[in-house]
């Protein structure tokens, strides 16, 4: 299986996980000139959530959360600001950045408010 398909499949798994927890999925693979946001959704407590999904097929590749480094966080934040500029209907919602890690056994770990906005 190629990396793009693997990534899409695990993002689908993460979106299904979020939907079961009461999140409303707005967009997936939202791409703009600043980067890509894996999942954009509204949480049950009415936060606009920008979620990054990371998968590792084995422990030898490290923890999925280690892949969300300062450079990646900066890109997600810039892409989220651009998205909000294009979608003023979400401007009144509090923004949150989550990270979802998926492990080789399909275990999902979800860190809400995993990082703060970095400008």
PDB file of N, CA and C in Angstrom:
ATOM      1  N   UNK A   1       0.853  -1.170   0.000  1.00  0.00           N
ATOM      2  CA  UNK A   1       0.000   0.000   0.000  1.00  0.00           C
ATOM      3  C   UNK A   1       0.904   1.241   0.000  1.00  0.00           C
ATOM      4  N   UNK A   2       0.567   2.238  -0.805  1.00  0.00           N
ATOM      5  CA  UNK A   2       1.411   3.419  -0.848  1.00  0.00           C
ATOM      6  C   UNK A   2       1.108   4.352   0.328  1.00  0.00           C
ATOM      7  N   UNK A   3       2.031   5.287   0.565  1.00  0.00           N
ATOM      8  CA  UNK A   3       1.920   6.175   1.723  1.00  0.00           C
ATOM      9  C   UNK A   3       0.685   7.056   1.679  1.00  0.00           C
ATOM     10  N   UNK A   4       0.321   7.543   0.499  1.00  0.00           N
ATOM     11  CA  UNK A   4      -0.851   8.419   0.381  1.00  0.00           C
ATOM     12  C   UNK A   4      -2.127   7.664   0.766  1.00  0.00           C
ATOM     13  N   UNK A   5      -2.264   6.436   0.278  1.00  0.00           N
ATOM     14  CA  UNK A   5      -3.442   5.617   0.609  1.00  0.00           C
ATOM     15  C   UNK A   5      -3.444   5.262   2.092  1.00  0.00           C
ATOM     16  N   UNK A   6      -2.284   4.903   2.618  1.00  0.00           N
ATOM     17  CA  UNK A   6      -2.180   4.585   4.041  1.00  0.00           C
ATOM     18  C   UNK A   6      -2.592   5.783   4.883  1.00  0.00           C
ATOM     19  N   UNK A   7      -2.089   6.964   4.526  1.00  0.00           N
ATOM     20  CA  UNK A   7      -2.444   8.179   5.253  1.00  0.00           C
ATOM     21  C   UNK A   7      -3.931   8.460   5.185  1.00  0.00           C
ATOM     22  N   UNK A   8      -4.499   8.341   3.994  1.00  0.00           N
ATOM     23  CA  UNK A   8      -5.935   8.595   3.823  1.00  0.00           C
ATOM     24  C   UNK A   8      -6.752   7.616   4.659  1.00  0.00           C
ATOM     25  N   UNK A   9      -6.375   6.351   4.633  1.00  0.00           N
ATOM     26  CA  UNK A   9      -7.110   5.334   5.397  1.00  0.00           C
ATOM     27  C   UNK A   9      -7.079   5.629   6.895  1.00  0.00           C
ATOM     28  N   UNK A  10      -5.938   6.069   7.395  1.00  0.00           N
ATOM     29  CA  UNK A  10      -5.837   6.355   8.830  1.00  0.00           C
ATOM     30  C   UNK A  10      -6.510   7.683   9.190  1.00  0.00           C
ATOM     31  N   UNK A  11      -6.520   8.619   8.279  1.00  0.00           N
ATOM     32  CA  UNK A  11      -7.293   9.844   8.514  1.00  0.00           C
ATOM     33  C   UNK A  11      -8.787   9.520   8.547  1.00  0.00           C
ATOM     34  N   UNK A  12      -9.221   8.580   7.722  1.00  0.00           N
ATOM     35  CA  UNK A  12     -10.615   8.138   7.746  1.00  0.00           C
ATOM     36  C   UNK A  12     -10.935   7.495   9.089  1.00  0.00           C
ATOM     37  N   UNK A  13     -10.035   6.656   9.570  1.00  0.00           N
ATOM     38  CA  UNK A  13     -10.213   6.027  10.875  1.00  0.00           C
ATOM     39  C   UNK A  13     -10.323   7.089  11.970  1.00  0.00           C
ATOM     40  N   UNK A  14      -9.479   8.105  11.918  1.00  0.00           N
ATOM     41  CA  UNK A  14      -9.512   9.185  12.909  1.00  0.00           C
ATOM     42  C   UNK A  14     -10.813   9.982  12.811  1.00  0.00           C
ATOM     43  N   UNK A  15     -11.271  10.266  11.588  1.00  0.00           N
ATOM     44  CA  UNK A  15     -12.529  11.007  11.403  1.00  0.00           C
ATOM     45  C   UNK A  15     -13.706  10.202  11.957  1.00  0.00           C
ATOM     46  N   UNK A  16     -13.716   8.917  11.730  1.00  0.00           N
ATOM     47  CA  UNK A  16     -14.779   8.060  12.266  1.00  0.00           C
ATOM     48  C   UNK A  16     -14.747   8.050  13.796  1.00  0.00           C
ATOM     49  N   UNK A  17     -13.549   7.997  14.347  1.00  0.00           N
ATOM     50  CA  UNK A  17     -13.373   8.042  15.801  1.00  0.00           C
ATOM     51  C   UNK A  17     -13.960   9.344  16.361  1.00  0.00           C
ATOM     52  N   UNK A  18     -13.610  10.463  15.725  1.00  0.00           N
ATOM     53  CA  UNK A  18     -14.116  11.760  16.189  1.00  0.00           C
ATOM     54  C   UNK A  18     -15.633  11.844  16.066  1.00  0.00           C
ATOM     55  N   UNK A  19     -16.165  11.379  14.946  1.00  0.00           N
ATOM     56  CA  UNK A  19     -17.620  11.421  14.738  1.00  0.00           C
ATOM     57  C   UNK A  19     -18.343  10.620  15.820  1.00  0.00           C
ATOM     58  N   UNK A  20     -17.791   9.465  16.198  1.00  0.00           N
ATOM     59  CA  UNK A  20     -18.400   8.650  17.258  1.00  0.00           C
ATOM     60  C   UNK A  20     -18.377   9.357  18.603  1.00  0.00           C
ATOM     61  N   UNK A  21     -17.405  10.261  18.783  1.00  0.00           N
ATOM     62  CA  UNK A  21     -17.304  11.017  20.030  1.00  0.00           C
ATOM     63  C   UNK A  21     -18.144  12.304  19.988  1.00  0.00           C
ATOM     64  N   UNK A  22     -18.901  12.499  18.899  1.00  0.00           N
ATOM     65  CA  UNK A  22     -19.791  13.642  18.825  1.00  0.00           C
ATOM     66  C   UNK A  22     -19.252  14.855  18.087  1.00  0.00           C
ATOM     67  N   UNK A  23     -18.104  14.719  17.446  1.00  0.00           N
ATOM     68  CA  UNK A  23     -17.546  15.820  16.660  1.00  0.00           C
ATOM     69  C   UNK A  23     -18.259  15.869  15.308  1.00  0.00           C
ATOM     70  N   UNK A  24     -18.418  17.081  14.789  1.00  0.00           N
ATOM     71  CA  UNK A  24     -18.997  17.254  13.452  1.00  0.00           C
ATOM     72  C   UNK A  24     -17.857  17.584  12.495  1.00  0.00           C
ATOM     73  N   UNK A  25     -17.602  16.689  11.561  1.00  0.00           N
ATOM     74  CA  UNK A  25     -16.512  16.872  10.604  1.00  0.00           C
ATOM     75  C   UNK A  25     -16.938  17.919   9.566  1.00  0.00           C
ATOM     76  N   UNK A  26     -16.110  18.933   9.404  1.00  0.00           N
ATOM     77  CA  UNK A  26     -16.373  19.993   8.432  1.00  0.00           C
ATOM     78  C   UNK A  26     -15.596  19.736   7.144  1.00  0.00           C
ATOM     79  N   UNK A  27     -14.334  19.359   7.295  1.00  0.00           N
ATOM     80  CA  UNK A  27     -13.474  19.200   6.125  1.00  0.00           C
ATOM     81  C   UNK A  27     -12.339  18.237   6.454  1.00  0.00           C
ATOM     82  N   UNK A  28     -11.859  17.580   5.405  1.00  0.00           N
ATOM     83  CA  UNK A  28     -10.690  16.711   5.524  1.00  0.00           C
ATOM     84  C   UNK A  28      -9.701  17.073   4.437  1.00  0.00           C
ATOM     85  N   UNK A  29      -8.428  16.923   4.764  1.00  0.00           N
ATOM     86  CA  UNK A  29      -7.347  17.213   3.815  1.00  0.00           C
ATOM     87  C   UNK A  29      -7.504  18.605   3.214  1.00  0.00           C
ATOM     88  N   UNK A  30      -7.737  19.566   4.070  1.00  0.00           N
ATOM     89  CA  UNK A  30      -7.927  20.958   3.655  1.00  0.00           C
ATOM     90  C   UNK A  30      -6.559  21.532   3.298  1.00  0.00           C
ATOM     91  N   UNK A  31      -6.382  21.829   2.031  1.00  0.00           N
ATOM     92  CA  UNK A  31      -5.094  22.295   1.523  1.00  0.00           C
ATOM     93  C   UNK A  31      -5.192  23.756   1.122  1.00  0.00           C
ATOM     94  N   UNK A  32      -4.235  24.553   1.588  1.00  0.00           N
ATOM     95  CA  UNK A  32      -4.121  25.931   1.120  1.00  0.00           C
ATOM     96  C   UNK A  32      -2.643  26.248   0.937  1.00  0.00           C
ATOM     97  N   UNK A  33      -2.330  27.462   0.601  1.00  0.00           N
ATOM     98  CA  UNK A  33      -0.950  27.792   0.259  1.00  0.00           C
ATOM     99  C   UNK A  33       0.023  27.675   1.432  1.00  0.00           C
ATOM    100  N   UNK A  34      -0.496  27.552   2.643  1.00  0.00           N
ATOM    101  CA  UNK A  34       0.363  27.439   3.818  1.00  0.00           C
ATOM    102  C   UNK A  34       0.568  26.009   4.297  1.00  0.00           C
ATOM    103  N   UNK A  35      -0.266  25.107   3.837  1.00  0.00           N
ATOM    104  CA  UNK A  35      -0.118  23.721   4.251  1.00  0.00           C
ATOM    105  C   UNK A  35      -1.435  22.982   4.200  1.00  0.00           C
ATOM    106  N   UNK A  36      -1.428  21.803   4.796  1.00  0.00           N
ATOM    107  CA  UNK A  36      -2.614  20.946   4.797  1.00  0.00           C
ATOM    108  C   UNK A  36      -3.048  20.686   6.234  1.00  0.00           C
ATOM    109  N   UNK A  37      -4.347  20.705   6.431  1.00  0.00           N
ATOM    110  CA  UNK A  37      -4.919  20.342   7.722  1.00  0.00           C
ATOM    111  C   UNK A  37      -5.683  19.047   7.500  1.00  0.00           C
ATOM    112  N   UNK A  38      -5.347  18.034   8.292  1.00  0.00           N
ATOM    113  CA  UNK A  38      -5.925  16.705   8.081  1.00  0.00           C
ATOM    114  C   UNK A  38      -7.433  16.686   8.313  1.00  0.00           C
ATOM    115  N   UNK A  39      -7.877  17.197   9.457  1.00  0.00           N
ATOM    116  CA  UNK A  39      -9.306  17.190   9.786  1.00  0.00           C
ATOM    117  C   UNK A  39      -9.666  18.518  10.442  1.00  0.00           C
ATOM    118  N   UNK A  40     -10.756  19.101   9.978  1.00  0.00           N
ATOM    119  CA  UNK A  40     -11.320  20.279  10.630  1.00  0.00           C
ATOM    120  C   UNK A  40     -12.713  19.878  11.085  1.00  0.00           C
ATOM    121  N   UNK A  41     -12.997  20.116  12.361  1.00  0.00           N
ATOM    122  CA  UNK A  41     -14.281  19.688  12.903  1.00  0.00           C
ATOM    123  C   UNK A  41     -14.712  20.607  14.042  1.00  0.00           C
ATOM    124  N   UNK A  42     -15.943  20.412  14.461  1.00  0.00           N
ATOM    125  CA  UNK A  42     -16.458  21.134  15.616  1.00  0.00           C
ATOM    126  C   UNK A  42     -16.670  20.114  16.730  1.00  0.00           C
ATOM    127  N   UNK A  43     -16.076  20.415  17.884  1.00  0.00           N
ATOM    128  CA  UNK A  43     -16.153  19.503  19.026  1.00  0.00           C
ATOM    129  C   UNK A  43     -17.527  19.583  19.683  1.00  0.00           C
ATOM    130  N   UNK A  44     -17.849  18.606  20.516  1.00  0.00           N
ATOM    131  CA  UNK A  44     -19.132  18.656  21.220  1.00  0.00           C
ATOM    132  C   UNK A  44     -19.301  19.917  22.072  1.00  0.00           C
ATOM    133  N   UNK A  45     -18.173  20.492  22.543  1.00  0.00           N
ATOM    134  CA  UNK A  45     -18.264  21.724  23.334  1.00  0.00           C
ATOM    135  C   UNK A  45     -18.092  22.981  22.479  1.00  0.00           C
ATOM    136  N   UNK A  46     -18.298  22.828  21.166  1.00  0.00           N
ATOM    137  CA  UNK A  46     -18.367  23.938  20.202  1.00  0.00           C
ATOM    138  C   UNK A  46     -17.042  24.668  19.967  1.00  0.00           C
ATOM    139  N   UNK A  47     -15.931  23.936  19.996  1.00  0.00           N
ATOM    140  CA  UNK A  47     -14.637  24.484  19.577  1.00  0.00           C
ATOM    141  C   UNK A  47     -14.412  24.100  18.120  1.00  0.00           C
ATOM    142  N   UNK A  48     -13.771  24.977  17.385  1.00  0.00           N
ATOM    143  CA  UNK A  48     -13.328  24.634  16.041  1.00  0.00           C
ATOM    144  C   UNK A  48     -11.979  23.946  16.201  1.00  0.00           C
ATOM    145  N   UNK A  49     -11.919  22.686  15.790  1.00  0.00           N
ATOM    146  CA  UNK A  49     -10.730  21.870  16.017  1.00  0.00           C
ATOM    147  C   UNK A  49     -10.003  21.628  14.706  1.00  0.00           C
ATOM    148  N   UNK A  50      -8.701  21.934  14.717  1.00  0.00           N
ATOM    149  CA  UNK A  50      -7.812  21.596  13.617  1.00  0.00           C
ATOM    150  C   UNK A  50      -7.005  20.390  14.118  1.00  0.00           C
ATOM    151  N   UNK A  51      -7.228  19.236  13.504  1.00  0.00           N
ATOM    152  CA  UNK A  51      -6.616  18.000  13.997  1.00  0.00           C
ATOM    153  C   UNK A  51      -5.571  17.473  13.021  1.00  0.00           C
ATOM    154  N   UNK A  52      -4.430  17.141  13.557  1.00  0.00           N
ATOM    155  CA  UNK A  52      -3.351  16.507  12.807  1.00  0.00           C
ATOM    156  C   UNK A  52      -3.368  15.026  13.140  1.00  0.00           C
ATOM    157  N   UNK A  53      -3.301  14.186  12.113  1.00  0.00           N
ATOM    158  CA  UNK A  53      -3.327  12.738  12.300  1.00  0.00           C
ATOM    159  C   UNK A  53      -1.959  12.180  11.929  1.00  0.00           C
ATOM    160  N   UNK A  54      -1.404  11.371  12.831  1.00  0.00           N
ATOM    161  CA  UNK A  54      -0.117  10.725  12.575  1.00  0.00           C
ATOM    162  C   UNK A  54      -0.242   9.237  12.841  1.00  0.00           C
ATOM    163  N   UNK A  55       0.325   8.450  11.933  1.00  0.00           N
ATOM    164  CA  UNK A  55       0.286   6.988  12.031  1.00  0.00           C
ATOM    165  C   UNK A  55       1.706   6.444  12.008  1.00  0.00           C
ATOM    166  N   UNK A  56       1.939   5.415  12.781  1.00  0.00           N
ATOM    167  CA  UNK A  56       3.207   4.691  12.737  1.00  0.00           C
ATOM    168  C   UNK A  56       2.906   3.208  12.619  1.00  0.00           C
ATOM    169  N   UNK A  57       3.501   2.596  11.607  1.00  0.00           N
ATOM    170  CA  UNK A  57       3.230   1.171  11.371  1.00  0.00           C
ATOM    171  C   UNK A  57       4.004   0.264  12.313  1.00  0.00           C
ATOM    172  N   UNK A  58       5.032   0.808  12.992  1.00  0.00           N
ATOM    173  CA  UNK A  58       5.743   0.011  13.982  1.00  0.00           C
ATOM    174  C   UNK A  58       6.381   0.921  15.017  1.00  0.00           C
ATOM    175  N   UNK A  59       6.654   0.363  16.177  1.00  0.00           N
ATOM    176  CA  UNK A  59       7.273   1.137  17.257  1.00  0.00           C
ATOM    177  C   UNK A  59       8.677   1.598  16.863  1.00  0.00           C
ATOM    178  N   UNK A  60       9.305   0.886  15.941  1.00  0.00           N
ATOM    179  CA  UNK A  60      10.644   1.264  15.490  1.00  0.00           C
ATOM    180  C   UNK A  60      10.644   2.633  14.803  1.00  0.00           C
ATOM    181  N   UNK A  61       9.483   3.046  14.294  1.00  0.00           N
ATOM    182  CA  UNK A  61       9.380   4.353  13.639  1.00  0.00           C
ATOM    183  C   UNK A  61       9.172   5.485  14.645  1.00  0.00           C
ATOM    184  N   UNK A  62       9.054   5.143  15.907  1.00  0.00           N
ATOM    185  CA  UNK A  62       8.850   6.147  16.937  1.00  0.00           C
ATOM    186  C   UNK A  62       7.374   6.358  17.220  1.00  0.00           C
ATOM    187  N   UNK A  63       7.111   7.224  18.158  1.00  0.00           N
ATOM    188  CA  UNK A  63       5.743   7.545  18.544  1.00  0.00           C
ATOM    189  C   UNK A  63       5.154   8.525  17.531  1.00  0.00           C
ATOM    190  N   UNK A  64       3.888   8.356  17.173  1.00  0.00           N
ATOM    191  CA  UNK A  64       3.287   9.282  16.202  1.00  0.00           C
ATOM    192  C   UNK A  64       3.368  10.740  16.625  1.00  0.00           C
ATOM    193  N   UNK A  65       3.277  10.990  17.921  1.00  0.00           N
ATOM    194  CA  UNK A  65       3.266  12.369  18.406  1.00  0.00           C
ATOM    195  C   UNK A  65       4.612  13.068  18.231  1.00  0.00           C
ATOM    196  N   UNK A  66       5.689  12.284  18.146  1.00  0.00           N
ATOM    197  CA  UNK A  66       7.015  12.868  17.928  1.00  0.00           C
ATOM    198  C   UNK A  66       7.125  13.544  16.561  1.00  0.00           C
ATOM    199  N   UNK A  67       6.276  13.140  15.623  1.00  0.00           N
ATOM    200  CA  UNK A  67       6.336  13.697  14.270  1.00  0.00           C
ATOM    201  C   UNK A  67       5.714  15.091  14.179  1.00  0.00           C
ATOM    202  N   UNK A  68       5.034  15.506  15.226  1.00  0.00           N
ATOM    203  CA  UNK A  68       4.432  16.841  15.229  1.00  0.00           C
ATOM    204  C   UNK A  68       5.418  17.770  15.934  1.00  0.00           C
ATOM    205  N   UNK A  69       6.392  18.211  15.145  1.00  0.00           N
ATOM    206  CA  UNK A  69       7.459  19.056  15.672  1.00  0.00           C
ATOM    207  C   UNK A  69       7.127  20.538  15.487  1.00  0.00           C
ATOM    208  N   UNK A  70       8.041  21.401  15.890  1.00  0.00           N
ATOM    209  CA  UNK A  70       7.807  22.850  15.842  1.00  0.00           C
ATOM    210  C   UNK A  70       7.517  23.334  14.420  1.00  0.00           C
ATOM    211  N   UNK A  71       8.216  22.794  13.433  1.00  0.00           N
ATOM    212  CA  UNK A  71       7.985  23.196  12.042  1.00  0.00           C
ATOM    213  C   UNK A  71       6.576  22.826  11.600  1.00  0.00           C
ATOM    214  N   UNK A  72       6.134  21.615  11.948  1.00  0.00           N
ATOM    215  CA  UNK A  72       4.792  21.149  11.577  1.00  0.00           C
ATOM    216  C   UNK A  72       3.729  21.983  12.290  1.00  0.00           C
ATOM    217  N   UNK A  73       3.939  22.263  13.552  1.00  0.00           N
ATOM    218  CA  UNK A  73       2.990  23.084  14.308  1.00  0.00           C
ATOM    219  C   UNK A  73       2.848  24.464  13.670  1.00  0.00           C
ATOM    220  N   UNK A  74       3.957  25.055  13.294  1.00  0.00           N
ATOM    221  CA  UNK A  74       3.939  26.382  12.657  1.00  0.00           C
ATOM    222  C   UNK A  74       3.130  26.348  11.354  1.00  0.00           C
ATOM    223  N   UNK A  75       3.340  25.300  10.544  1.00  0.00           N
ATOM    224  CA  UNK A  75       2.594  25.173   9.282  1.00  0.00           C
ATOM    225  C   UNK A  75       1.098  25.011   9.523  1.00  0.00           C
ATOM    226  N   UNK A  76       0.736  24.185  10.504  1.00  0.00           N
ATOM    227  CA  UNK A  76      -0.681  23.971  10.814  1.00  0.00           C
ATOM    228  C   UNK A  76      -1.318  25.287  11.262  1.00  0.00           C
ATOM    229  N   UNK A  77      -0.618  26.025  12.099  1.00  0.00           N
ATOM    230  CA  UNK A  77      -1.154  27.301  12.590  1.00  0.00           C
ATOM    231  C   UNK A  77      -1.345  28.295  11.453  1.00  0.00           C
ATOM    232  N   UNK A  78      -0.366  28.414  10.578  1.00  0.00           N
ATOM    233  CA  UNK A  78      -0.503  29.331   9.435  1.00  0.00           C
ATOM    234  C   UNK A  78      -1.656  28.911   8.534  1.00  0.00           C
ATOM    235  N   UNK A  79      -1.773  27.616   8.270  1.00  0.00           N
ATOM    236  CA  UNK A  79      -2.865  27.118   7.423  1.00  0.00           C
ATOM    237  C   UNK A  79      -4.215  27.356   8.089  1.00  0.00           C
ATOM    238  N   UNK A  80      -4.275  27.236   9.417  1.00  0.00           N
ATOM    239  CA  UNK A  80      -5.542  27.448  10.124  1.00  0.00           C
ATOM    240  C   UNK A  80      -5.971  28.912  10.074  1.00  0.00           C
ATOM    241  N   UNK A  81      -5.033  29.826  10.185  1.00  0.00           N
ATOM    242  CA  UNK A  81      -5.360  31.256  10.099  1.00  0.00           C
ATOM    243  C   UNK A  81      -5.891  31.586   8.708  1.00  0.00           C
ATOM    244  N   UNK A  82      -5.256  31.037   7.694  1.00  0.00           N
ATOM    245  CA  UNK A  82      -5.736  31.255   6.326  1.00  0.00           C
ATOM    246  C   UNK A  82      -7.149  30.694   6.170  1.00  0.00           C
ATOM    247  N   UNK A  83      -7.382  29.498   6.693  1.00  0.00           N
ATOM    248  CA  UNK A  83      -8.704  28.877   6.618  1.00  0.00           C
ATOM    249  C   UNK A  83      -9.747  29.767   7.286  1.00  0.00           C
ATOM    250  N   UNK A  84      -9.443  30.258   8.466  1.00  0.00           N
ATOM    251  CA  UNK A  84     -10.389  31.117   9.194  1.00  0.00           C
ATOM    252  C   UNK A  84     -10.674  32.399   8.420  1.00  0.00           C
ATOM    253  N   UNK A  85      -9.666  32.921   7.722  1.00  0.00           N
ATOM    254  CA  UNK A  85      -9.873  34.114   6.899  1.00  0.00           C
ATOM    255  C   UNK A  85     -10.824  33.862   5.742  1.00  0.00           C
ATOM    256  N   UNK A  86     -10.850  32.638   5.264  1.00  0.00           N
ATOM    257  CA  UNK A  86     -11.735  32.257   4.158  1.00  0.00           C
ATOM    258  C   UNK A  86     -13.108  31.794   4.640  1.00  0.00           C
ATOM    259  N   UNK A  87     -13.230  31.526   5.937  1.00  0.00           N
ATOM    260  CA  UNK A  87     -14.477  31.000   6.506  1.00  0.00           C
ATOM    261  C   UNK A  87     -14.882  31.792   7.747  1.00  0.00           C
ATOM    262  N   UNK A  88     -15.316  33.037   7.547  1.00  0.00           N
ATOM    263  CA  UNK A  88     -15.673  33.881   8.697  1.00  0.00           C
ATOM    264  C   UNK A  88     -16.827  33.327   9.537  1.00  0.00           C
ATOM    265  N   UNK A  89     -17.582  32.390   8.985  1.00  0.00           N
ATOM    266  CA  UNK A  89     -18.697  31.804   9.743  1.00  0.00           C
ATOM    267  C   UNK A  89     -18.222  31.065  11.000  1.00  0.00           C
ATOM    268  N   UNK A  90     -16.923  30.746  11.073  1.00  0.00           N
ATOM    269  CA  UNK A  90     -16.390  30.058  12.251  1.00  0.00           C
ATOM    270  C   UNK A  90     -15.626  31.003  13.179  1.00  0.00           C
ATOM    271  N   UNK A  91     -15.611  32.281  12.849  1.00  0.00           N
ATOM    272  CA  UNK A  91     -14.829  33.264  13.598  1.00  0.00           C
ATOM    273  C   UNK A  91     -15.227  33.426  15.052  1.00  0.00           C
ATOM    274  N   UNK A  92     -16.442  33.097  15.401  1.00  0.00           N
ATOM    275  CA  UNK A  92     -16.883  33.258  16.791  1.00  0.00           C
ATOM    276  C   UNK A  92     -16.540  32.053  17.670  1.00  0.00           C
ATOM    277  N   UNK A  93     -16.060  30.978  17.055  1.00  0.00           N
ATOM    278  CA  UNK A  93     -15.742  29.766  17.814  1.00  0.00           C
ATOM    279  C   UNK A  93     -14.324  29.829  18.379  1.00  0.00           C
ATOM    280  N   UNK A  94     -14.162  29.257  19.540  1.00  0.00           N
ATOM    281  CA  UNK A  94     -12.825  29.099  20.100  1.00  0.00           C
ATOM    282  C   UNK A  94     -12.089  28.054  19.265  1.00  0.00           C
ATOM    283  N   UNK A  95     -10.801  28.272  19.018  1.00  0.00           N
ATOM    284  CA  UNK A  95      -9.993  27.375  18.187  1.00  0.00           C
ATOM    285  C   UNK A  95      -9.141  26.483  19.080  1.00  0.00           C
ATOM    286  N   UNK A  96      -9.032  25.234  18.655  1.00  0.00           N
ATOM    287  CA  UNK A  96      -8.227  24.262  19.389  1.00  0.00           C
ATOM    288  C   UNK A  96      -7.434  23.422  18.392  1.00  0.00           C
ATOM    289  N   UNK A  97      -6.232  23.031  18.784  1.00  0.00           N
ATOM    290  CA  UNK A  97      -5.375  22.193  17.950  1.00  0.00           C
ATOM    291  C   UNK A  97      -5.184  20.844  18.635  1.00  0.00           C
ATOM    292  N   UNK A  98      -5.653  19.789  17.989  1.00  0.00           N
ATOM    293  CA  UNK A  98      -5.562  18.434  18.525  1.00  0.00           C
ATOM    294  C   UNK A  98      -4.612  17.606  17.670  1.00  0.00           C
ATOM    295  N   UNK A  99      -4.079  16.557  18.269  1.00  0.00           N
ATOM    296  CA  UNK A  99      -3.273  15.586  17.533  1.00  0.00           C
ATOM    297  C   UNK A  99      -3.838  14.199  17.842  1.00  0.00           C
ATOM    298  N   UNK A 100      -3.997  13.423  16.781  1.00  0.00           N
ATOM    299  CA  UNK A 100      -4.481  12.051  16.913  1.00  0.00           C
ATOM    300  C   UNK A 100      -3.375  11.120  16.425  1.00  0.00           C
ATOM    301  N   UNK A 101      -2.936  10.257  17.329  1.00  0.00           N
ATOM    302  CA  UNK A 101      -1.913   9.267  17.001  1.00  0.00           C
ATOM    303  C   UNK A 101      -2.558   7.915  16.804  1.00  0.00           C
ATOM    304  N   UNK A 102      -2.179   7.249  15.724  1.00  0.00           N
ATOM    305  CA  UNK A 102      -2.693   5.907  15.452  1.00  0.00           C
ATOM    306  C   UNK A 102      -1.500   4.955  15.398  1.00  0.00           C
ATOM    307  N   UNK A 103      -1.612   3.892  16.155  1.00  0.00           N
ATOM    308  CA  UNK A 103      -0.525   2.938  16.297  1.00  0.00           C
ATOM    309  C   UNK A 103      -0.753   1.713  15.425  1.00  0.00           C
ATOM    310  N   UNK A 104       0.277   0.880  15.330  1.00  0.00           N
ATOM    311  CA  UNK A 104       0.257  -0.289  14.443  1.00  0.00           C
ATOM    312  C   UNK A 104      -0.925  -1.215  14.690  1.00  0.00           C
ATOM    313  N   UNK A 105      -1.411  -1.288  15.920  1.00  0.00           N
ATOM    314  CA  UNK A 105      -2.536  -2.166  16.249  1.00  0.00           C
ATOM    315  C   UNK A 105      -3.883  -1.443  16.125  1.00  0.00           C
ATOM    316  N   UNK A 106      -3.867  -0.287  15.452  1.00  0.00           N
ATOM    317  CA  UNK A 106      -5.057   0.560  15.227  1.00  0.00           C
ATOM    318  C   UNK A 106      -5.533   1.256  16.504  1.00  0.00           C
ATOM    319  N   UNK A 107      -4.720   1.195  17.566  1.00  0.00           N
ATOM    320  CA  UNK A 107      -5.040   1.947  18.782  1.00  0.00           C
ATOM    321  C   UNK A 107      -4.980   3.438  18.456  1.00  0.00           C
ATOM    322  N   UNK A 108      -5.950   4.168  18.955  1.00  0.00           N
ATOM    323  CA  UNK A 108      -6.018   5.611  18.713  1.00  0.00           C
ATOM    324  C   UNK A 108      -5.825   6.334  20.031  1.00  0.00           C
ATOM    325  N   UNK A 109      -4.932   7.323  20.008  1.00  0.00           N
ATOM    326  CA  UNK A 109      -4.774   8.235  21.148  1.00  0.00           C
ATOM    327  C   UNK A 109      -5.055   9.636  20.638  1.00  0.00           C
ATOM    328  N   UNK A 110      -5.867  10.341  21.387  1.00  0.00           N
ATOM    329  CA  UNK A 110      -6.308  11.678  20.976  1.00  0.00           C
ATOM    330  C   UNK A 110      -5.884  12.666  22.063  1.00  0.00           C
ATOM    331  N   UNK A 111      -5.042  13.607  21.696  1.00  0.00           N
ATOM    332  CA  UNK A 111      -4.648  14.659  22.625  1.00  0.00           C
ATOM    333  C   UNK A 111      -5.376  15.935  22.228  1.00  0.00           C
ATOM    334  N   UNK A 112      -6.303  16.332  23.069  1.00  0.00           N
ATOM    335  CA  UNK A 112      -7.028  17.589  22.851  1.00  0.00           C
ATOM    336  C   UNK A 112      -6.128  18.735  23.300  1.00  0.00           C
ATOM    337  N   UNK A 113      -6.203  19.850  22.556  1.00  0.00           N
ATOM    338  CA  UNK A 113      -5.415  21.028  22.893  1.00  0.00           C
ATOM    339  C   UNK A 113      -3.931  20.654  23.015  1.00  0.00           C
ATOM    340  N   UNK A 114      -3.441  19.934  22.023  1.00  0.00           N
ATOM    341  CA  UNK A 114      -2.076  19.397  22.035  1.00  0.00           C
ATOM    342  C   UNK A 114      -1.020  20.494  21.966  1.00  0.00           C
ATOM    343  N   UNK A 115      -1.352  21.600  21.341  1.00  0.00           N
ATOM    344  CA  UNK A 115      -0.423  22.738  21.275  1.00  0.00           C
ATOM    345  C   UNK A 115      -1.226  24.017  21.113  1.00  0.00           C
ATOM    346  N   UNK A 116      -0.556  25.119  21.448  1.00  0.00           N
ATOM    347  CA  UNK A 116      -1.161  26.440  21.314  1.00  0.00           C
ATOM    348  C   UNK A 116      -0.777  27.035  19.969  1.00  0.00           C
ATOM    349  N   UNK A 117      -1.498  28.070  19.590  1.00  0.00           N
ATOM    350  CA  UNK A 117      -1.216  28.769  18.341  1.00  0.00           C
ATOM    351  C   UNK A 117       0.211  29.312  18.375  1.00  0.00           C
ATOM    352  N   UNK A 118       0.916  29.113  17.274  1.00  0.00           N
ATOM    353  CA  UNK A 118       2.256  29.657  17.095  1.00  0.00           C
ATOM    354  C   UNK A 118       2.211  30.545  15.865  1.00  0.00           C
ATOM    355  N   UNK A 119       2.459  31.821  16.030  1.00  0.00           N
ATOM    356  CA  UNK A 119       2.352  32.764  14.916  1.00  0.00           C
ATOM    357  C   UNK A 119       3.647  33.050  14.227  1.00  0.00           C
TER     358      UNK A 119
END
